[in-house]
Amino acid sequence: MSNEKDYLEILEKYQDIKEISDLKDDVKKLREYYHSGQYDKMQQHIQSLMLKYLAETVVWNSSHTVAPQTPEQCYQNAEAFLYSKFQALVVKGGLSSK
């Protein structure tokens, strides 16, 4: 990811807002499963994210038409999706991304 500052640090500042706290937990869980090599659990988590963020998933998949094939690609795709969700929250909530 090319963002200068890890957005998880920014989410920490706003964790008293439920939607942001949930997103922070989703990111942490995704990273934990990937970095510990628990790819089956990671894939299950990604599936649950797709259901949780159904409308956003439909939009995402319409512009990202090549399905990830490897665990690394699945992780990168999910991480980018969650980052885009973060960016939408920043815009929607007027949060500082710094």
C-alpha atoms as a PDB file:
ATOM      1  CA  MET A   1       0.000   0.000   0.000  1.00  0.00           C
ATOM      2  CA  SER A   2       1.277   3.414  -0.850  1.00  0.00           C
ATOM      3  CA  ASN A   3      -0.357   5.471   1.905  1.00  0.00           C
ATOM      4  CA  GLU A   4       2.262   7.358   3.909  1.00  0.00           C
ATOM      5  CA  LYS A   5       0.842   6.638   7.331  1.00  0.00           C
ATOM      6  CA  ASP A   6      -0.829   3.389   8.238  1.00  0.00           C
ATOM      7  CA  TYR A   7      -4.519   4.197   8.368  1.00  0.00           C
ATOM      8  CA  LEU A   8      -4.953   1.850  11.330  1.00  0.00           C
ATOM      9  CA  GLU A   9      -3.237   4.510  13.438  1.00  0.00           C
ATOM     10  CA  ILE A  10      -5.809   7.045  12.286  1.00  0.00           C
ATOM     11  CA  LEU A  11      -8.680   4.654  13.011  1.00  0.00           C
ATOM     12  CA  GLU A  12      -7.359   4.312  16.571  1.00  0.00           C
ATOM     13  CA  LYS A  13      -7.975   8.038  17.130  1.00  0.00           C
ATOM     14  CA  TYR A  14     -11.674   7.668  16.270  1.00  0.00           C
ATOM     15  CA  GLN A  15     -12.366   4.251  17.758  1.00  0.00           C
ATOM     16  CA  ASP A  16     -15.127   5.665  19.977  1.00  0.00           C
ATOM     17  CA  ILE A  17     -17.270   5.850  16.808  1.00  0.00           C
ATOM     18  CA  LYS A  18     -18.836   2.395  16.310  1.00  0.00           C
ATOM     19  CA  GLU A  19     -18.478   2.253  12.523  1.00  0.00           C
ATOM     20  CA  ILE A  20     -14.806   3.169  12.771  1.00  0.00           C
ATOM     21  CA  SER A  21     -14.183   0.777  15.653  1.00  0.00           C
ATOM     22  CA  ASP A  22     -15.709  -2.044  13.581  1.00  0.00           C
ATOM     23  CA  LEU A  23     -13.554  -1.157  10.576  1.00  0.00           C
ATOM     24  CA  LYS A  24     -10.447  -1.077  12.770  1.00  0.00           C
ATOM     25  CA  ASP A  25     -11.297  -4.553  14.083  1.00  0.00           C
ATOM     26  CA  ASP A  26     -11.859  -5.819  10.527  1.00  0.00           C
ATOM     27  CA  VAL A  27      -8.439  -4.528   9.414  1.00  0.00           C
ATOM     28  CA  LYS A  28      -6.643  -5.981  12.437  1.00  0.00           C
ATOM     29  CA  LYS A  29      -8.263  -9.381  11.983  1.00  0.00           C
ATOM     30  CA  LEU A  30      -7.428  -9.460   8.258  1.00  0.00           C
ATOM     31  CA  ARG A  31      -3.798  -8.598   8.954  1.00  0.00           C
ATOM     32  CA  GLU A  32      -3.521 -11.087  11.802  1.00  0.00           C
ATOM     33  CA  TYR A  33      -4.819 -13.966   9.689  1.00  0.00           C
ATOM     34  CA  TYR A  34      -2.616 -13.085   6.736  1.00  0.00           C
ATOM     35  CA  HIS A  35       0.608 -12.530   8.649  1.00  0.00           C
ATOM     36  CA  SER A  36       0.134 -15.710  10.691  1.00  0.00           C
ATOM     37  CA  GLY A  37      -0.545 -17.771   7.559  1.00  0.00           C
ATOM     38  CA  GLN A  38      -4.123 -18.613   8.536  1.00  0.00           C
ATOM     39  CA  TYR A  39      -5.364 -18.282   4.966  1.00  0.00           C
ATOM     40  CA  ASP A  40      -8.565 -20.304   5.447  1.00  0.00           C
ATOM     41  CA  LYS A  41      -9.596 -18.043   8.326  1.00  0.00           C
ATOM     42  CA  MET A  42      -8.567 -15.014   6.293  1.00  0.00           C
ATOM     43  CA  GLN A  43     -10.772 -16.154   3.419  1.00  0.00           C
ATOM     44  CA  GLN A  44     -13.690 -16.718   5.812  1.00  0.00           C
ATOM     45  CA  HIS A  45     -13.151 -13.223   7.193  1.00  0.00           C
ATOM     46  CA  ILE A  46     -13.116 -11.768   3.682  1.00  0.00           C
ATOM     47  CA  GLN A  47     -16.378 -13.578   2.916  1.00  0.00           C
ATOM     48  CA  SER A  48     -17.952 -12.096   6.051  1.00  0.00           C
ATOM     49  CA  LEU A  49     -16.708  -8.629   5.037  1.00  0.00           C
ATOM     50  CA  MET A  50     -18.335  -9.067   1.637  1.00  0.00           C
ATOM     51  CA  LEU A  51     -21.667  -9.728   3.333  1.00  0.00           C
ATOM     52  CA  LYS A  52     -21.194  -6.981   5.919  1.00  0.00           C
ATOM     53  CA  TYR A  53     -20.365  -4.386   3.249  1.00  0.00           C
ATOM     54  CA  LEU A  54     -22.564  -5.813   0.498  1.00  0.00           C
ATOM     55  CA  ALA A  55     -23.304  -2.579  -1.397  1.00  0.00           C
ATOM     56  CA  GLU A  56     -19.649  -1.513  -1.278  1.00  0.00           C
ATOM     57  CA  THR A  57     -18.592  -4.992  -2.417  1.00  0.00           C
ATOM     58  CA  VAL A  58     -20.844  -4.829  -5.468  1.00  0.00           C
ATOM     59  CA  VAL A  59     -19.379  -1.449  -6.437  1.00  0.00           C
ATOM     60  CA  TRP A  60     -15.813  -2.667  -5.737  1.00  0.00           C
ATOM     61  CA  ASN A  61     -16.239  -5.818  -7.801  1.00  0.00           C
ATOM     62  CA  SER A  62     -17.670  -3.870 -10.726  1.00  0.00           C
ATOM     63  CA  SER A  63     -14.431  -1.918 -11.029  1.00  0.00           C
ATOM     64  CA  HIS A  64     -12.075  -4.723  -9.933  1.00  0.00           C
ATOM     65  CA  THR A  65     -13.082  -7.448 -12.340  1.00  0.00           C
ATOM     66  CA  VAL A  66     -10.082  -9.776 -12.007  1.00  0.00           C
ATOM     67  CA  ALA A  67     -10.569 -12.055  -9.016  1.00  0.00           C
ATOM     68  CA  PRO A  68      -7.537 -12.569  -6.766  1.00  0.00           C
ATOM     69  CA  GLN A  69      -5.970 -16.023  -7.146  1.00  0.00           C
ATOM     70  CA  THR A  70      -3.406 -16.334  -4.363  1.00  0.00           C
ATOM     71  CA  PRO A  71      -3.622 -15.669  -0.612  1.00  0.00           C
ATOM     72  CA  GLU A  72      -1.371 -12.642  -1.111  1.00  0.00           C
ATOM     73  CA  GLN A  73      -3.641 -11.238  -3.836  1.00  0.00           C
ATOM     74  CA  CYS A  74      -6.716 -11.889  -1.665  1.00  0.00           C
ATOM     75  CA  TYR A  75      -5.075 -10.060   1.218  1.00  0.00           C
ATOM     76  CA  GLN A  76      -3.989  -7.121  -0.930  1.00  0.00           C
ATOM     77  CA  ASN A  77      -7.433  -6.832  -2.493  1.00  0.00           C
ATOM     78  CA  ALA A  78      -9.192  -6.950   0.887  1.00  0.00           C
ATOM     79  CA  GLU A  79      -6.720  -4.475   2.390  1.00  0.00           C
ATOM     80  CA  ALA A  80      -7.315  -2.068  -0.512  1.00  0.00           C
ATOM     81  CA  PHE A  81     -11.076  -2.515  -0.122  1.00  0.00           C
ATOM     82  CA  LEU A  82     -10.922  -1.716   3.601  1.00  0.00           C
ATOM     83  CA  TYR A  83      -8.694   1.279   2.897  1.00  0.00           C
ATOM     84  CA  SER A  84     -11.288   2.585   0.432  1.00  0.00           C
ATOM     85  CA  LYS A  85     -13.928   2.093   3.128  1.00  0.00           C
ATOM     86  CA  PHE A  86     -11.724   4.132   5.468  1.00  0.00           C
ATOM     87  CA  GLN A  87     -11.385   6.898   2.867  1.00  0.00           C
ATOM     88  CA  ALA A  88     -15.169   7.005   2.462  1.00  0.00           C
ATOM     89  CA  LEU A  89     -15.565   7.355   6.233  1.00  0.00           C
ATOM     90  CA  VAL A  90     -13.057  10.203   6.284  1.00  0.00           C
ATOM     91  CA  VAL A  91     -15.027  12.062   3.625  1.00  0.00           C
ATOM     92  CA  LYS A  92     -18.427  11.219   5.112  1.00  0.00           C
ATOM     93  CA  GLY A  93     -17.486  12.071   8.671  1.00  0.00           C
ATOM     94  CA  GLY A  94     -15.143  14.946   8.008  1.00  0.00           C
ATOM     95  CA  LEU A  95     -12.403  13.108   9.897  1.00  0.00           C
ATOM     96  CA  SER A  96      -8.801  14.127   9.684  1.00  0.00           C
ATOM     97  CA  SER A  97      -6.721  11.556   7.829  1.00  0.00           C
ATOM     98  CA  LYS A  98      -3.511  12.802   9.465  1.00  0.00           C
END
